[in-house]
């Protein structure tokens, strides 16, 4: 995220422009957007437990189906870790 803000704020190009008002306007927009985004995510209500469980079980089922139809992936430990992570994330 820092890299995108750096490129947008300083605009490292070959063309040199010294417009202070435009720089401050862009900087204010980037800083305000970076501050408002986490607040907007905080306002979203969490999903209900039944919907989270249904979604996680559907993802696990699709992973198992993909595993049965395709050859074993080279990163089997990654797959196993993802499945254990989804089991842990299931609500009670």
N, C-alpha and C. Protein backbone atom coordinates (compact mmCIF):
# COMPACT_ATOMS: atom_id res chain seq x y z
N UNK A 1 0.83 -1.18 0.00
CA UNK A 1 0.00 0.00 0.00
C UNK A 1 0.88 1.26 0.00
N UNK A 2 1.99 1.17 0.70
CA UNK A 2 2.87 2.33 0.76
C UNK A 2 3.41 2.68 -0.62
N UNK A 3 3.72 1.66 -1.40
CA UNK A 3 4.26 1.90 -2.74
C UNK A 3 3.26 2.62 -3.63
N UNK A 4 1.99 2.23 -3.55
CA UNK A 4 0.97 2.90 -4.36
C UNK A 4 0.80 4.35 -3.93
N UNK A 5 0.81 4.59 -2.64
CA UNK A 5 0.69 5.97 -2.16
C UNK A 5 1.92 6.79 -2.55
N UNK A 6 3.09 6.19 -2.53
CA UNK A 6 4.31 6.89 -2.93
C UNK A 6 4.22 7.31 -4.39
N UNK A 7 3.82 6.39 -5.25
CA UNK A 7 3.73 6.70 -6.67
C UNK A 7 2.67 7.77 -6.92
N UNK A 8 1.53 7.66 -6.25
CA UNK A 8 0.47 8.64 -6.47
C UNK A 8 0.83 10.01 -5.92
N UNK A 9 1.52 10.04 -4.80
CA UNK A 9 1.82 11.32 -4.16
C UNK A 9 2.98 12.05 -4.83
N UNK A 10 4.07 11.36 -5.08
CA UNK A 10 5.24 12.04 -5.64
C UNK A 10 5.29 12.00 -7.16
N UNK A 11 4.54 11.11 -7.78
CA UNK A 11 4.49 10.98 -9.23
C UNK A 11 5.89 11.01 -9.84
N UNK A 12 6.70 9.98 -9.56
CA UNK A 12 8.08 9.97 -10.05
C UNK A 12 8.14 9.75 -11.56
N UNK A 13 8.09 10.83 -12.29
CA UNK A 13 8.16 10.78 -13.75
C UNK A 13 9.28 11.71 -14.19
N UNK A 14 9.54 11.72 -15.46
CA UNK A 14 10.60 12.58 -15.98
C UNK A 14 10.17 14.04 -16.08
N UNK A 15 8.88 14.28 -16.18
CA UNK A 15 8.38 15.65 -16.30
C UNK A 15 8.35 16.31 -14.92
N UNK A 16 9.04 17.42 -14.77
CA UNK A 16 9.09 18.11 -13.50
C UNK A 16 8.04 19.21 -13.46
N UNK A 17 7.12 19.11 -12.53
CA UNK A 17 6.11 20.15 -12.34
C UNK A 17 6.13 20.56 -10.88
N UNK A 18 5.99 21.84 -10.64
CA UNK A 18 6.03 22.37 -9.29
C UNK A 18 4.72 23.10 -9.00
N UNK A 19 3.64 22.36 -8.89
CA UNK A 19 2.34 22.93 -8.57
C UNK A 19 2.00 22.53 -7.13
N UNK A 20 2.23 23.44 -6.21
CA UNK A 20 2.06 23.15 -4.80
C UNK A 20 0.61 22.84 -4.45
N UNK A 21 -0.33 23.58 -5.02
CA UNK A 21 -1.74 23.36 -4.72
C UNK A 21 -2.17 21.97 -5.17
N UNK A 22 -1.72 21.55 -6.33
CA UNK A 22 -2.08 20.22 -6.82
C UNK A 22 -1.46 19.14 -5.93
N UNK A 23 -0.24 19.34 -5.49
CA UNK A 23 0.41 18.38 -4.59
C UNK A 23 -0.35 18.25 -3.28
N UNK A 24 -0.72 19.37 -2.67
CA UNK A 24 -1.45 19.31 -1.40
C UNK A 24 -2.84 18.70 -1.58
N UNK A 25 -3.48 18.99 -2.70
CA UNK A 25 -4.79 18.41 -2.98
C UNK A 25 -4.69 16.89 -3.11
N UNK A 26 -3.69 16.42 -3.84
CA UNK A 26 -3.49 14.98 -4.00
C UNK A 26 -3.12 14.34 -2.67
N UNK A 27 -2.24 14.96 -1.91
CA UNK A 27 -1.82 14.42 -0.61
C UNK A 27 -3.00 14.33 0.35
N UNK A 28 -3.83 15.36 0.38
CA UNK A 28 -5.00 15.34 1.25
C UNK A 28 -5.97 14.24 0.84
N UNK A 29 -6.16 14.05 -0.45
CA UNK A 29 -7.04 12.99 -0.92
C UNK A 29 -6.53 11.61 -0.55
N UNK A 30 -5.23 11.39 -0.68
CA UNK A 30 -4.66 10.09 -0.33
C UNK A 30 -4.75 9.83 1.16
N UNK A 31 -4.43 10.83 1.96
CA UNK A 31 -4.46 10.65 3.42
C UNK A 31 -5.89 10.48 3.91
N UNK A 32 -6.82 11.27 3.38
CA UNK A 32 -8.22 11.13 3.79
C UNK A 32 -8.77 9.78 3.36
N UNK A 33 -8.44 9.33 2.15
CA UNK A 33 -8.92 8.02 1.70
C UNK A 33 -8.34 6.89 2.52
N UNK A 34 -7.08 7.02 2.90
CA UNK A 34 -6.44 5.98 3.73
C UNK A 34 -7.04 5.96 5.13
N UNK A 35 -7.52 7.08 5.61
CA UNK A 35 -8.12 7.12 6.95
C UNK A 35 -9.57 6.66 6.94
N UNK A 36 -10.29 6.96 5.87
CA UNK A 36 -11.72 6.63 5.81
C UNK A 36 -11.93 5.15 5.50
N UNK A 37 -11.04 4.52 4.76
CA UNK A 37 -11.23 3.12 4.36
C UNK A 37 -11.36 2.18 5.56
N UNK A 38 -10.47 2.24 6.57
CA UNK A 38 -10.67 1.34 7.72
C UNK A 38 -11.96 1.63 8.48
N UNK A 39 -12.35 2.89 8.54
CA UNK A 39 -13.61 3.22 9.21
C UNK A 39 -14.81 2.64 8.47
N UNK A 40 -14.76 2.65 7.15
CA UNK A 40 -15.85 2.09 6.36
C UNK A 40 -15.95 0.58 6.59
N UNK A 41 -14.81 -0.11 6.67
CA UNK A 41 -14.84 -1.54 6.94
C UNK A 41 -15.33 -1.82 8.36
N UNK A 42 -15.07 -0.93 9.27
CA UNK A 42 -15.53 -1.11 10.65
C UNK A 42 -17.05 -1.00 10.74
N UNK A 43 -17.66 -0.22 9.84
CA UNK A 43 -19.11 -0.04 9.87
C UNK A 43 -19.87 -1.24 9.31
N UNK A 44 -19.20 -2.07 8.51
CA UNK A 44 -19.87 -3.24 7.96
C UNK A 44 -20.15 -4.25 9.05
N UNK A 45 -21.38 -4.78 9.11
CA UNK A 45 -21.67 -5.77 10.16
C UNK A 45 -21.03 -7.11 9.81
N UNK A 46 -20.65 -7.90 10.82
CA UNK A 46 -20.07 -9.22 10.54
C UNK A 46 -21.14 -10.17 10.02
N UNK A 47 -20.71 -11.18 9.28
CA UNK A 47 -21.65 -12.18 8.77
C UNK A 47 -22.15 -13.05 9.91
N UNK A 48 -23.38 -13.56 9.76
CA UNK A 48 -23.91 -14.44 10.80
C UNK A 48 -23.15 -15.77 10.77
N UNK A 49 -23.20 -16.48 11.88
CA UNK A 49 -22.42 -17.71 12.03
C UNK A 49 -22.84 -18.77 11.01
N UNK A 50 -24.12 -18.88 10.74
CA UNK A 50 -24.59 -19.90 9.79
C UNK A 50 -24.07 -19.62 8.39
N UNK A 51 -24.06 -18.38 7.99
CA UNK A 51 -23.57 -18.03 6.66
C UNK A 51 -22.06 -18.25 6.55
N UNK A 52 -21.32 -17.92 7.60
CA UNK A 52 -19.87 -18.17 7.59
C UNK A 52 -19.57 -19.66 7.51
N UNK A 53 -20.31 -20.46 8.29
CA UNK A 53 -20.09 -21.91 8.28
C UNK A 53 -20.42 -22.49 6.91
N UNK A 54 -21.52 -22.07 6.31
CA UNK A 54 -21.91 -22.56 4.99
C UNK A 54 -20.86 -22.20 3.95
N UNK A 55 -20.36 -21.00 4.02
CA UNK A 55 -19.34 -20.54 3.06
C UNK A 55 -18.04 -21.32 3.22
N UNK A 56 -17.59 -21.51 4.46
CA UNK A 56 -16.35 -22.25 4.70
C UNK A 56 -16.48 -23.71 4.29
N UNK A 57 -17.64 -24.34 4.57
CA UNK A 57 -17.83 -25.72 4.17
C UNK A 57 -17.89 -25.86 2.66
N UNK A 58 -18.49 -24.90 1.97
CA UNK A 58 -18.52 -24.94 0.51
C UNK A 58 -17.11 -24.80 -0.08
N UNK A 59 -16.30 -23.94 0.51
CA UNK A 59 -14.92 -23.79 0.05
C UNK A 59 -14.12 -25.07 0.28
N UNK A 60 -14.33 -25.70 1.43
CA UNK A 60 -13.62 -26.94 1.70
C UNK A 60 -14.05 -28.05 0.75
N UNK A 61 -15.34 -28.12 0.45
CA UNK A 61 -15.83 -29.13 -0.47
C UNK A 61 -15.28 -28.92 -1.87
N UNK A 62 -15.21 -27.68 -2.30
CA UNK A 62 -14.66 -27.42 -3.64
C UNK A 62 -13.18 -27.77 -3.69
N UNK A 63 -12.44 -27.52 -2.60
CA UNK A 63 -11.03 -27.90 -2.55
C UNK A 63 -10.87 -29.42 -2.60
N UNK A 64 -11.74 -30.14 -1.88
CA UNK A 64 -11.66 -31.60 -1.91
C UNK A 64 -12.00 -32.15 -3.29
N UNK A 65 -12.99 -31.57 -3.94
CA UNK A 65 -13.34 -32.00 -5.30
C UNK A 65 -12.19 -31.74 -6.26
N UNK A 66 -11.57 -30.60 -6.15
CA UNK A 66 -10.44 -30.28 -7.01
C UNK A 66 -9.27 -31.23 -6.76
N UNK A 67 -9.10 -31.63 -5.51
CA UNK A 67 -8.02 -32.55 -5.17
C UNK A 67 -8.26 -33.94 -5.76
N UNK A 68 -9.54 -34.36 -5.83
CA UNK A 68 -9.83 -35.69 -6.37
C UNK A 68 -9.73 -35.73 -7.89
N UNK A 69 -9.96 -34.62 -8.56
CA UNK A 69 -9.94 -34.63 -10.03
C UNK A 69 -8.59 -34.25 -10.60
N UNK A 70 -7.78 -33.55 -9.87
CA UNK A 70 -6.48 -33.10 -10.38
C UNK A 70 -5.37 -33.90 -9.71
N UNK A 71 -4.20 -33.92 -10.32
CA UNK A 71 -3.08 -34.58 -9.64
C UNK A 71 -2.71 -33.83 -8.36
N UNK A 72 -1.98 -34.52 -7.51
CA UNK A 72 -1.61 -33.90 -6.24
C UNK A 72 -0.81 -32.62 -6.48
N UNK A 73 -1.18 -31.56 -5.81
CA UNK A 73 -0.43 -30.31 -5.99
C UNK A 73 0.94 -30.42 -5.35
N UNK A 74 1.92 -29.67 -5.86
CA UNK A 74 3.26 -29.75 -5.28
C UNK A 74 3.31 -29.23 -3.85
N UNK A 75 2.48 -28.27 -3.52
CA UNK A 75 2.47 -27.71 -2.16
C UNK A 75 1.37 -28.33 -1.33
N UNK A 76 1.46 -29.63 -1.07
CA UNK A 76 0.41 -30.31 -0.31
C UNK A 76 0.32 -29.79 1.12
N UNK A 77 1.44 -29.34 1.67
CA UNK A 77 1.42 -28.76 3.02
C UNK A 77 0.62 -27.47 3.06
N UNK A 78 0.70 -26.68 2.00
CA UNK A 78 -0.09 -25.45 1.92
C UNK A 78 -1.57 -25.77 1.91
N UNK A 79 -1.93 -26.80 1.13
CA UNK A 79 -3.34 -27.20 1.04
C UNK A 79 -3.84 -27.68 2.39
N UNK A 80 -3.03 -28.50 3.05
CA UNK A 80 -3.42 -29.02 4.36
C UNK A 80 -3.55 -27.88 5.38
N UNK A 81 -2.64 -26.94 5.34
CA UNK A 81 -2.73 -25.79 6.24
C UNK A 81 -3.97 -24.95 6.00
N UNK A 82 -4.33 -24.80 4.72
CA UNK A 82 -5.54 -24.03 4.39
C UNK A 82 -6.79 -24.73 4.92
N UNK A 83 -6.82 -26.08 4.78
CA UNK A 83 -7.98 -26.83 5.26
C UNK A 83 -8.08 -26.76 6.79
N UNK A 84 -6.96 -26.89 7.48
CA UNK A 84 -6.97 -26.80 8.94
C UNK A 84 -7.38 -25.40 9.37
N UNK A 85 -6.90 -24.40 8.66
CA UNK A 85 -7.29 -23.02 8.98
C UNK A 85 -8.78 -22.79 8.83
N UNK A 86 -9.36 -23.41 7.80
CA UNK A 86 -10.81 -23.25 7.61
C UNK A 86 -11.58 -24.01 8.67
N UNK A 87 -11.09 -25.17 9.09
CA UNK A 87 -11.76 -25.90 10.17
C UNK A 87 -11.69 -25.11 11.48
N UNK A 88 -10.58 -24.48 11.73
CA UNK A 88 -10.44 -23.67 12.95
C UNK A 88 -11.36 -22.46 12.90
N UNK A 89 -11.56 -21.90 11.71
CA UNK A 89 -12.37 -20.69 11.58
C UNK A 89 -13.87 -20.96 11.65
N UNK A 90 -14.26 -22.24 11.58
CA UNK A 90 -15.69 -22.56 11.67
C UNK A 90 -16.25 -22.12 13.01
N UNK A 91 -17.40 -21.46 12.99
CA UNK A 91 -18.02 -21.06 14.28
C UNK A 91 -18.60 -22.27 14.99
N UNK A 92 -18.84 -22.12 16.28
CA UNK A 92 -19.39 -23.24 17.08
C UNK A 92 -20.79 -23.61 16.64
